[in-house]
Amino acid sequence: MLAGEMKKFNNKLMPFVFVWILFGLMLSTSWAAASDDKDIGSEVDPPPGIEEKWGVKILPIRLTAAGKMLDFRFRVVDSDKAMALMQRGEKAHLIDQATGRKLPVPRTKVGPMRQTGSKPKKGSVYPILFINLGRVVKPGSKVTVVLGDFRLENIVVESATPYQNKLPEPKQTQWETVQKSLREELGNCTKDCGQDRQCFDKCYKAHKSRMDKEYQKLLNEK
């Protein structure tokens, strides 16, 4: 049952997964984002001892890909300690605390949607994507992230675009349509970039500018 559901869900996710692979390559070939990336959000307040034991600061976890995935990130402050989160053999999943449902990391032809194996770079940010099966997790849901022995509970999930919550309900539906169109434009822009970071950076900045412009237009419409 779960295997069949996963296969069906993965087929629907492939376009979104492809775009997120491109985002990862844009920021670096190792999925590590630059430490001055202002779009990833500020750190959350984890339980005492997380930074000391695991060498990471936790960033907000957000819904993405129209609510079909969850984007979890951490910023490395101690490369040696954070290496424990990058082990290939360690299983990773996210738990929706309201239902107890376990949500896995999607796998593609190039492997799971998380960085493993290489030593993390201090100051860099690493993402892990989880499949939101049945869209069970909503904005405001509390979740637990498990990476081997690492376990972080009571993380509150944010919307993919926090300003979306300011829109009236009818306009939120319109906004989802606009985002879908802009994601397609982004995919068309990046498809010939290869691993050219400057090319990806140009496409991503143009995409963000269009997102902001279209949001403001929609917000101010009568």
C-alpha atoms as a PDB file:
ATOM      1  CA  MET A   1       0.000   0.000   0.000  1.00  0.00           C
ATOM      2  CA  LEU A   2       2.687   2.485   1.059  1.00  0.00           C
ATOM      3  CA  ALA A   3       4.985   1.433  -1.803  1.00  0.00           C
ATOM      4  CA  GLY A   4       2.208   1.988  -4.343  1.00  0.00           C
ATOM      5  CA  GLU A   5       1.324   5.344  -2.836  1.00  0.00           C
ATOM      6  CA  MET A   6       4.972   6.389  -2.866  1.00  0.00           C
ATOM      7  CA  LYS A   7       5.391   5.426  -6.544  1.00  0.00           C
ATOM      8  CA  LYS A   8       2.284   7.375  -7.554  1.00  0.00           C
ATOM      9  CA  PHE A   9       3.325  10.360  -5.483  1.00  0.00           C
ATOM     10  CA  ASN A  10       6.889  10.307  -6.846  1.00  0.00           C
ATOM     11  CA  ASN A  11       5.604  10.400 -10.433  1.00  0.00           C
ATOM     12  CA  LYS A  12       3.627  13.550  -9.652  1.00  0.00           C
ATOM     13  CA  LEU A  13       6.588  15.100  -7.866  1.00  0.00           C
ATOM     14  CA  MET A  14       9.203  14.680 -10.591  1.00  0.00           C
ATOM     15  CA  PRO A  15       8.760  18.182 -12.105  1.00  0.00           C
ATOM     16  CA  PHE A  16       9.090  19.771  -8.663  1.00  0.00           C
ATOM     17  CA  VAL A  17      12.024  17.532  -7.720  1.00  0.00           C
ATOM     18  CA  PHE A  18      13.832  18.509 -10.919  1.00  0.00           C
ATOM     19  CA  VAL A  19      13.512  22.194 -10.096  1.00  0.00           C
ATOM     20  CA  TRP A  20      14.832  21.616  -6.572  1.00  0.00           C
ATOM     21  CA  ILE A  21      17.829  19.715  -7.951  1.00  0.00           C
ATOM     22  CA  LEU A  22      18.521  22.748 -10.110  1.00  0.00           C
ATOM     23  CA  PHE A  23      18.274  25.020  -7.072  1.00  0.00           C
ATOM     24  CA  GLY A  24      20.814  22.835  -5.317  1.00  0.00           C
ATOM     25  CA  LEU A  25      23.190  22.954  -8.247  1.00  0.00           C
ATOM     26  CA  MET A  26      22.705  26.690  -8.522  1.00  0.00           C
ATOM     27  CA  LEU A  27      23.963  27.231  -5.007  1.00  0.00           C
ATOM     28  CA  SER A  28      26.782  24.673  -5.321  1.00  0.00           C
ATOM     29  CA  THR A  29      27.433  21.222  -6.686  1.00  0.00           C
ATOM     30  CA  SER A  30      27.301  19.839  -3.136  1.00  0.00           C
ATOM     31  CA  TRP A  31      23.819  21.202  -2.299  1.00  0.00           C
ATOM     32  CA  ALA A  32      25.387  23.701   0.122  1.00  0.00           C
ATOM     33  CA  ALA A  33      23.873  27.173   0.016  1.00  0.00           C
ATOM     34  CA  ALA A  34      25.932  30.289   0.590  1.00  0.00           C
ATOM     35  CA  SER A  35      25.939  31.445   4.183  1.00  0.00           C
ATOM     36  CA  ASP A  36      24.621  34.904   3.253  1.00  0.00           C
ATOM     37  CA  ASP A  37      21.515  33.584   1.442  1.00  0.00           C
ATOM     38  CA  LYS A  38      18.780  35.923   2.721  1.00  0.00           C
ATOM     39  CA  ASP A  39      15.862  33.888   1.380  1.00  0.00           C
ATOM     40  CA  ILE A  40      16.272  30.868   3.646  1.00  0.00           C
ATOM     41  CA  GLY A  41      15.069  32.524   6.837  1.00  0.00           C
ATOM     42  CA  SER A  42      16.540  32.997  10.290  1.00  0.00           C
ATOM     43  CA  GLU A  43      17.336  30.215  12.746  1.00  0.00           C
ATOM     44  CA  VAL A  44      14.592  28.811  14.961  1.00  0.00           C
ATOM     45  CA  ASP A  45      14.991  28.161  18.684  1.00  0.00           C
ATOM     46  CA  PRO A  46      15.778  24.439  19.071  1.00  0.00           C
ATOM     47  CA  PRO A  47      16.014  22.603  22.408  1.00  0.00           C
ATOM     48  CA  PRO A  48      19.197  23.294  24.398  1.00  0.00           C
ATOM     49  CA  GLY A  49      22.186  21.238  23.310  1.00  0.00           C
ATOM     50  CA  ILE A  50      21.392  20.839  19.598  1.00  0.00           C
ATOM     51  CA  GLU A  51      24.147  23.185  18.433  1.00  0.00           C
ATOM     52  CA  GLU A  52      26.633  21.896  20.996  1.00  0.00           C
ATOM     53  CA  LYS A  53      26.035  18.209  20.201  1.00  0.00           C
ATOM     54  CA  TRP A  54      25.344  18.279  16.459  1.00  0.00           C
ATOM     55  CA  GLY A  55      27.130  21.439  15.303  1.00  0.00           C
ATOM     56  CA  VAL A  56      24.153  22.931  13.435  1.00  0.00           C
ATOM     57  CA  LYS A  57      21.626  25.742  13.688  1.00  0.00           C
ATOM     58  CA  ILE A  58      18.085  24.849  12.600  1.00  0.00           C
ATOM     59  CA  LEU A  59      16.304  26.942   9.966  1.00  0.00           C
ATOM     60  CA  PRO A  60      12.521  27.172   9.453  1.00  0.00           C
ATOM     61  CA  ILE A  61      10.885  24.138   7.841  1.00  0.00           C
ATOM     62  CA  ARG A  62       8.530  25.112   5.031  1.00  0.00           C
ATOM     63  CA  LEU A  63       6.010  23.566   2.697  1.00  0.00           C
ATOM     64  CA  THR A  64       7.033  23.743  -0.944  1.00  0.00           C
ATOM     65  CA  ALA A  65       6.056  22.314  -4.357  1.00  0.00           C
ATOM     66  CA  ALA A  66       2.431  23.358  -3.845  1.00  0.00           C
ATOM     67  CA  GLY A  67       2.336  21.624  -0.464  1.00  0.00           C
ATOM     68  CA  LYS A  68       3.592  18.280  -1.787  1.00  0.00           C
ATOM     69  CA  MET A  69       6.987  18.502  -0.075  1.00  0.00           C
ATOM     70  CA  LEU A  70       8.633  19.863   3.064  1.00  0.00           C
ATOM     71  CA  ASP A  71      11.933  21.733   2.926  1.00  0.00           C
ATOM     72  CA  PHE A  72      14.089  21.307   6.060  1.00  0.00           C
ATOM     73  CA  ARG A  73      17.462  23.055   6.327  1.00  0.00           C
ATOM     74  CA  PHE A  74      20.297  23.424   8.796  1.00  0.00           C
ATOM     75  CA  ARG A  75      23.279  25.765   8.928  1.00  0.00           C
ATOM     76  CA  VAL A  76      26.635  24.209   9.847  1.00  0.00           C
ATOM     77  CA  VAL A  77      28.572  25.796  12.711  1.00  0.00           C
ATOM     78  CA  ASP A  78      30.908  22.839  13.429  1.00  0.00           C
ATOM     79  CA  SER A  79      31.884  20.686  10.439  1.00  0.00           C
ATOM     80  CA  ASP A  80      33.128  17.729  12.488  1.00  0.00           C
ATOM     81  CA  LYS A  81      30.005  17.458  14.644  1.00  0.00           C
ATOM     82  CA  ALA A  82      27.632  18.033  11.712  1.00  0.00           C
ATOM     83  CA  MET A  83      29.221  15.134   9.814  1.00  0.00           C
ATOM     84  CA  ALA A  84      27.005  12.787  11.853  1.00  0.00           C
ATOM     85  CA  LEU A  85      23.985  14.174   9.957  1.00  0.00           C
ATOM     86  CA  MET A  86      25.566  13.375   6.584  1.00  0.00           C
ATOM     87  CA  GLN A  87      26.114   9.623   6.959  1.00  0.00           C
ATOM     88  CA  ARG A  88      24.807   7.549   4.022  1.00  0.00           C
ATOM     89  CA  GLY A  89      23.580   4.701   6.187  1.00  0.00           C
ATOM     90  CA  GLU A  90      21.476   6.866   8.482  1.00  0.00           C
ATOM     91  CA  LYS A  91      17.756   6.790   7.723  1.00  0.00           C
ATOM     92  CA  ALA A  92      15.945  10.115   7.476  1.00  0.00           C
ATOM     93  CA  HIS A  93      12.252  10.789   7.883  1.00  0.00           C
ATOM     94  CA  LEU A  94       9.832  13.373   9.189  1.00  0.00           C
ATOM     95  CA  ILE A  95       6.910  12.611  11.545  1.00  0.00           C
ATOM     96  CA  ASP A  96       3.632  14.502  11.538  1.00  0.00           C
ATOM     97  CA  GLN A  97       2.985  14.710  15.276  1.00  0.00           C
ATOM     98  CA  ALA A  98      -0.797  15.002  14.943  1.00  0.00           C
ATOM     99  CA  THR A  99      -1.164  11.701  13.077  1.00  0.00           C
ATOM    100  CA  GLY A 100       2.123   9.905  13.746  1.00  0.00           C
ATOM    101  CA  ARG A 101       2.622   9.443  10.015  1.00  0.00           C
ATOM    102  CA  LYS A 102       6.223   9.055   8.820  1.00  0.00           C
ATOM    103  CA  LEU A 103       7.152  11.018   5.709  1.00  0.00           C
ATOM    104  CA  PRO A 104      10.275   9.844   3.842  1.00  0.00           C
ATOM    105  CA  VAL A 105      12.941  11.570   1.757  1.00  0.00           C
ATOM    106  CA  PRO A 106      12.118  11.140  -1.950  1.00  0.00           C
ATOM    107  CA  ARG A 107      14.546   9.217  -4.129  1.00  0.00           C
ATOM    108  CA  THR A 108      15.447  10.084  -7.714  1.00  0.00           C
ATOM    109  CA  LYS A 109      17.754   8.506 -10.292  1.00  0.00           C
ATOM    110  CA  VAL A 110      20.601  10.513  -8.762  1.00  0.00           C
ATOM    111  CA  GLY A 111      19.789   9.365  -5.212  1.00  0.00           C
ATOM    112  CA  PRO A 112      17.839  10.685  -2.198  1.00  0.00           C
ATOM    113  CA  MET A 113      17.034  14.382  -1.911  1.00  0.00           C
ATOM    114  CA  ARG A 114      19.625  15.008   0.777  1.00  0.00           C
ATOM    115  CA  GLN A 115      23.388  15.455   0.881  1.00  0.00           C
ATOM    116  CA  THR A 116      25.384  12.535   2.317  1.00  0.00           C
ATOM    117  CA  GLY A 117      28.975  11.355   2.305  1.00  0.00           C
ATOM    118  CA  SER A 118      30.974  14.564   2.011  1.00  0.00           C
ATOM    119  CA  LYS A 119      32.126  16.671   4.940  1.00  0.00           C
ATOM    120  CA  PRO A 120      29.830  19.686   5.452  1.00  0.00           C
ATOM    121  CA  LYS A 121      31.302  23.163   5.129  1.00  0.00           C
ATOM    122  CA  LYS A 122      31.103  25.517   8.095  1.00  0.00           C
ATOM    123  CA  GLY A 123      28.692  28.381   7.447  1.00  0.00           C
ATOM    124  CA  SER A 124      26.875  26.592   4.628  1.00  0.00           C
ATOM    125  CA  VAL A 125      23.226  25.583   4.595  1.00  0.00           C
ATOM    126  CA  TYR A 126      22.071  22.071   3.633  1.00  0.00           C
ATOM    127  CA  PRO A 127      18.492  21.180   2.630  1.00  0.00           C
ATOM    128  CA  ILE A 128      16.624  17.910   3.050  1.00  0.00           C
ATOM    129  CA  LEU A 129      13.309  17.366   1.280  1.00  0.00           C
ATOM    130  CA  PHE A 130      10.510  15.164   2.633  1.00  0.00           C
ATOM    131  CA  ILE A 131       7.443  13.953   0.729  1.00  0.00           C
ATOM    132  CA  ASN A 132       4.208  15.274   2.233  1.00  0.00           C
ATOM    133  CA  LEU A 133       2.106  12.169   1.491  1.00  0.00           C
ATOM    134  CA  GLY A 134      -1.564  13.071   1.248  1.00  0.00           C
ATOM    135  CA  ARG A 135      -0.585  16.636   2.172  1.00  0.00           C
ATOM    136  CA  VAL A 136      -1.093  15.594   5.772  1.00  0.00           C
ATOM    137  CA  VAL A 137       1.189  18.377   7.015  1.00  0.00           C
ATOM    138  CA  LYS A 138      -0.258  21.891   6.852  1.00  0.00           C
ATOM    139  CA  PRO A 139       1.107  25.340   7.759  1.00  0.00           C
ATOM    140  CA  GLY A 140       1.168  25.416  11.560  1.00  0.00           C
ATOM    141  CA  SER A 141       1.549  21.623  11.931  1.00  0.00           C
ATOM    142  CA  LYS A 142       4.123  20.371  14.424  1.00  0.00           C
ATOM    143  CA  VAL A 143       6.617  17.830  13.110  1.00  0.00           C
ATOM    144  CA  THR A 144       9.621  15.813  14.254  1.00  0.00           C
ATOM    145  CA  VAL A 145      12.736  15.413  12.078  1.00  0.00           C
ATOM    146  CA  VAL A 146      14.757  12.206  12.491  1.00  0.00           C
ATOM    147  CA  LEU A 147      18.224  11.745  10.951  1.00  0.00           C
ATOM    148  CA  GLY A 148      19.704   8.606  12.453  1.00  0.00           C
ATOM    149  CA  ASP A 149      20.271   9.404  16.136  1.00  0.00           C
ATOM    150  CA  PHE A 150      19.405  13.064  15.594  1.00  0.00           C
ATOM    151  CA  ARG A 151      15.822  13.832  16.635  1.00  0.00           C
ATOM    152  CA  LEU A 152      14.237  17.291  16.733  1.00  0.00           C
ATOM    153  CA  GLU A 153      10.622  17.592  17.908  1.00  0.00           C
ATOM    154  CA  ASN A 154       7.917  20.267  17.864  1.00  0.00           C
ATOM    155  CA  ILE A 155       9.063  22.149  14.750  1.00  0.00           C
ATOM    156  CA  VAL A 156       6.235  24.364  13.494  1.00  0.00           C
ATOM    157  CA  VAL A 157       5.834  24.192   9.701  1.00  0.00           C
ATOM    158  CA  GLU A 158       5.649  27.443   7.782  1.00  0.00           C
ATOM    159  CA  SER A 159       3.992  28.233   4.461  1.00  0.00           C
ATOM    160  CA  ALA A 160       6.255  28.105   1.386  1.00  0.00           C
ATOM    161  CA  THR A 161       5.772  31.854   0.971  1.00  0.00           C
ATOM    162  CA  PRO A 162       4.896  33.498   4.295  1.00  0.00           C
ATOM    163  CA  TYR A 163       3.301  36.538   2.637  1.00  0.00           C
ATOM    164  CA  GLN A 164       0.755  34.250   0.961  1.00  0.00           C
ATOM    165  CA  ASN A 165      -1.147  34.088   4.242  1.00  0.00           C
ATOM    166  CA  LYS A 166      -1.974  37.816   3.901  1.00  0.00           C
ATOM    167  CA  LEU A 167      -4.052  37.178   0.788  1.00  0.00           C
ATOM    168  CA  PRO A 168      -7.829  36.570   0.977  1.00  0.00           C
ATOM    169  CA  GLU A 169      -8.842  32.982   0.241  1.00  0.00           C
ATOM    170  CA  PRO A 170      -9.941  33.587  -3.416  1.00  0.00           C
ATOM    171  CA  LYS A 171      -6.640  35.316  -4.167  1.00  0.00           C
ATOM    172  CA  GLN A 172      -4.638  32.486  -2.588  1.00  0.00           C
ATOM    173  CA  THR A 173      -6.086  30.178  -5.237  1.00  0.00           C
ATOM    174  CA  GLN A 174      -5.049  32.655  -7.939  1.00  0.00           C
ATOM    175  CA  TRP A 175      -1.603  32.898  -6.349  1.00  0.00           C
ATOM    176  CA  GLU A 176      -1.115  29.132  -6.554  1.00  0.00           C
ATOM    177  CA  THR A 177      -1.862  29.320 -10.294  1.00  0.00           C
ATOM    178  CA  VAL A 178       0.619  32.169 -10.728  1.00  0.00           C
ATOM    179  CA  GLN A 179       3.314  30.242  -8.834  1.00  0.00           C
ATOM    180  CA  LYS A 180       2.812  27.184 -11.014  1.00  0.00           C
ATOM    181  CA  SER A 181       3.280  29.278 -14.156  1.00  0.00           C
ATOM    182  CA  LEU A 182       6.402  30.953 -12.746  1.00  0.00           C
ATOM    183  CA  ARG A 183       7.906  27.585 -11.760  1.00  0.00           C
ATOM    184  CA  GLU A 184       7.500  26.455 -15.352  1.00  0.00           C
ATOM    185  CA  GLU A 185       9.240  29.627 -16.517  1.00  0.00           C
ATOM    186  CA  LEU A 186      12.065  28.940 -14.075  1.00  0.00           C
ATOM    187  CA  GLY A 187      12.444  25.401 -15.368  1.00  0.00           C
ATOM    188  CA  ASN A 188      12.655  26.674 -18.944  1.00  0.00           C
ATOM    189  CA  CYS A 189      15.255  29.242 -17.905  1.00  0.00           C
ATOM    190  CA  THR A 190      17.505  26.751 -16.103  1.00  0.00           C
ATOM    191  CA  LYS A 191      17.238  23.725 -18.384  1.00  0.00           C
ATOM    192  CA  ASP A 192      20.308  24.704 -20.418  1.00  0.00           C
ATOM    193  CA  CYS A 193      22.429  25.947 -17.493  1.00  0.00           C
ATOM    194  CA  GLY A 194      24.211  22.632 -16.850  1.00  0.00           C
ATOM    195  CA  GLN A 195      26.246  23.316 -13.696  1.00  0.00           C
ATOM    196  CA  ASP A 196      26.839  26.993 -14.476  1.00  0.00           C
ATOM    197  CA  ARG A 197      26.182  28.671 -11.121  1.00  0.00           C
ATOM    198  CA  GLN A 198      25.991  32.170 -12.639  1.00  0.00           C
ATOM    199  CA  CYS A 199      23.318  30.978 -15.065  1.00  0.00           C
ATOM    200  CA  PHE A 200      21.262  29.440 -12.255  1.00  0.00           C
ATOM    201  CA  ASP A 201      21.753  32.534 -10.109  1.00  0.00           C
ATOM    202  CA  LYS A 202      20.474  34.775 -12.898  1.00  0.00           C
ATOM    203  CA  CYS A 203      17.399  32.586 -13.437  1.00  0.00           C
ATOM    204  CA  TYR A 204      16.643  32.354  -9.723  1.00  0.00           C
ATOM    205  CA  LYS A 205      16.944  36.116  -9.160  1.00  0.00           C
ATOM    206  CA  ALA A 206      14.655  36.787 -12.135  1.00  0.00           C
ATOM    207  CA  HIS A 207      12.204  34.219 -10.742  1.00  0.00           C
ATOM    208  CA  LYS A 208      12.178  35.847  -7.298  1.00  0.00           C
ATOM    209  CA  SER A 209      11.689  39.293  -8.836  1.00  0.00           C
ATOM    210  CA  ARG A 210       8.720  38.025 -10.865  1.00  0.00           C
ATOM    211  CA  MET A 211       7.252  36.336  -7.776  1.00  0.00           C
ATOM    212  CA  ASP A 212       7.443  39.569  -5.779  1.00  0.00           C
ATOM    213  CA  LYS A 213       6.012  41.634  -8.628  1.00  0.00           C
ATOM    214  CA  GLU A 214       3.094  39.264  -9.287  1.00  0.00           C
ATOM    215  CA  TYR A 215       2.316  38.990  -5.587  1.00  0.00           C
ATOM    216  CA  GLN A 216       2.168  42.765  -5.170  1.00  0.00           C
ATOM    217  CA  LYS A 217      -0.013  43.037  -8.272  1.00  0.00           C
ATOM    218  CA  LEU A 218      -2.423  40.453  -6.908  1.00  0.00           C
ATOM    219  CA  LEU A 219      -2.427  41.985  -3.438  1.00  0.00           C
ATOM    220  CA  ASN A 220      -3.346  45.434  -4.757  1.00  0.00           C
ATOM    221  CA  GLU A 221      -6.035  44.306  -7.171  1.00  0.00           C
ATOM    222  CA  LYS A 222      -9.543  45.452  -6.255  1.00  0.00           C
END
